[in-house]
Amino acid sequence: MKDWNKEVGYLENTRKRMWNDDYFEFLVKQVWKIDHPVKILDVGCGYGDLGTRLLPIVPDGSSYKGIDIAEDLIEKAREDFKETKYNTDFEVINLLEYEPTDKYDIVICQSVLRHIPEVKEVLQKMIDSAVTGGLVICIEPSRRMENAGLYIDDKDFDVFENDEFLKERWQQEYSNGGRDFLVGLKIPGYMNQLGLKNVSVRVNDYVDFISKSGTENYKEGKESFMHNHGIDEKYSDATNYFSARCHLISFGVKS
């Protein structure tokens, strides 16, 4: 299992390229209709990225708690929020050992279940943490959709070149009890099975586009893109780099 205490730089880099702020605000205000103070639990919060997005746009009086197994990430979250006006709390917890003792209006996770084989077990704990009528939200990718959304503007780029390799790796990992590369597509069904009502799904509209002719700080952006997406160095002179992140946002109401 990856040691997330060593991945702060990676997490910060990828989270910067995960959301369009206007779409996230649209979800909060128009889709989830959060129009009164809420208690939020962020499951697998890392350094609190979702807190930095949620707290400025949910109603005043809301609170945010983040739990994560990585001590260094939790310590960073505490430090980052220490001087803010927001009501926050962070706790080091192994999600597989977590036993809900409080209830929350919003229980949310982002790119967490993709790394955990026990998806339904953690999802059940999220549901158990929600109040009746509370909202459970999972923001997770489908690796298949992510791979299909990748394009590099280079005459030698083959959109199919990694398909067989990825198919073998993903299927082998899943069959050995590892991560489910289709988890984002399966979560709505799991939500239904576990009793959530009014289950619905949205797709994150963020597209990572790096262009030699138009991107500010192009070199830094290109290097980051290639690192984050595992792009071969043979494409380092491409004209444009394009990735539709395709994160699926599944949510349902606890009855």
Foldseek 3Di string as FASTA:
>chain_A
DDQCLPCPVVVVLVLVQFADLVVVLCCDCPVVNQADAWEEEEEQCQLNSVVVNPVVRHDPPHEYEYEHQHPNRQVNNCVVCVPPPHHYYYDHDDLLPDAADEATQEYEYAQPLQFDLPNLSSQLRSLVRHDAQHKYKYWHAQQVQQLQQKDFQDPPDDSCPCVVVVVVVQVVQVVVSGGHNGVQVCVLVSCVVSPFPPKDKDWHAGKLKQFPPDDDVRVVSLVSVCVSVVNDCVRSPTGMIITGRGTMMIMGGHD
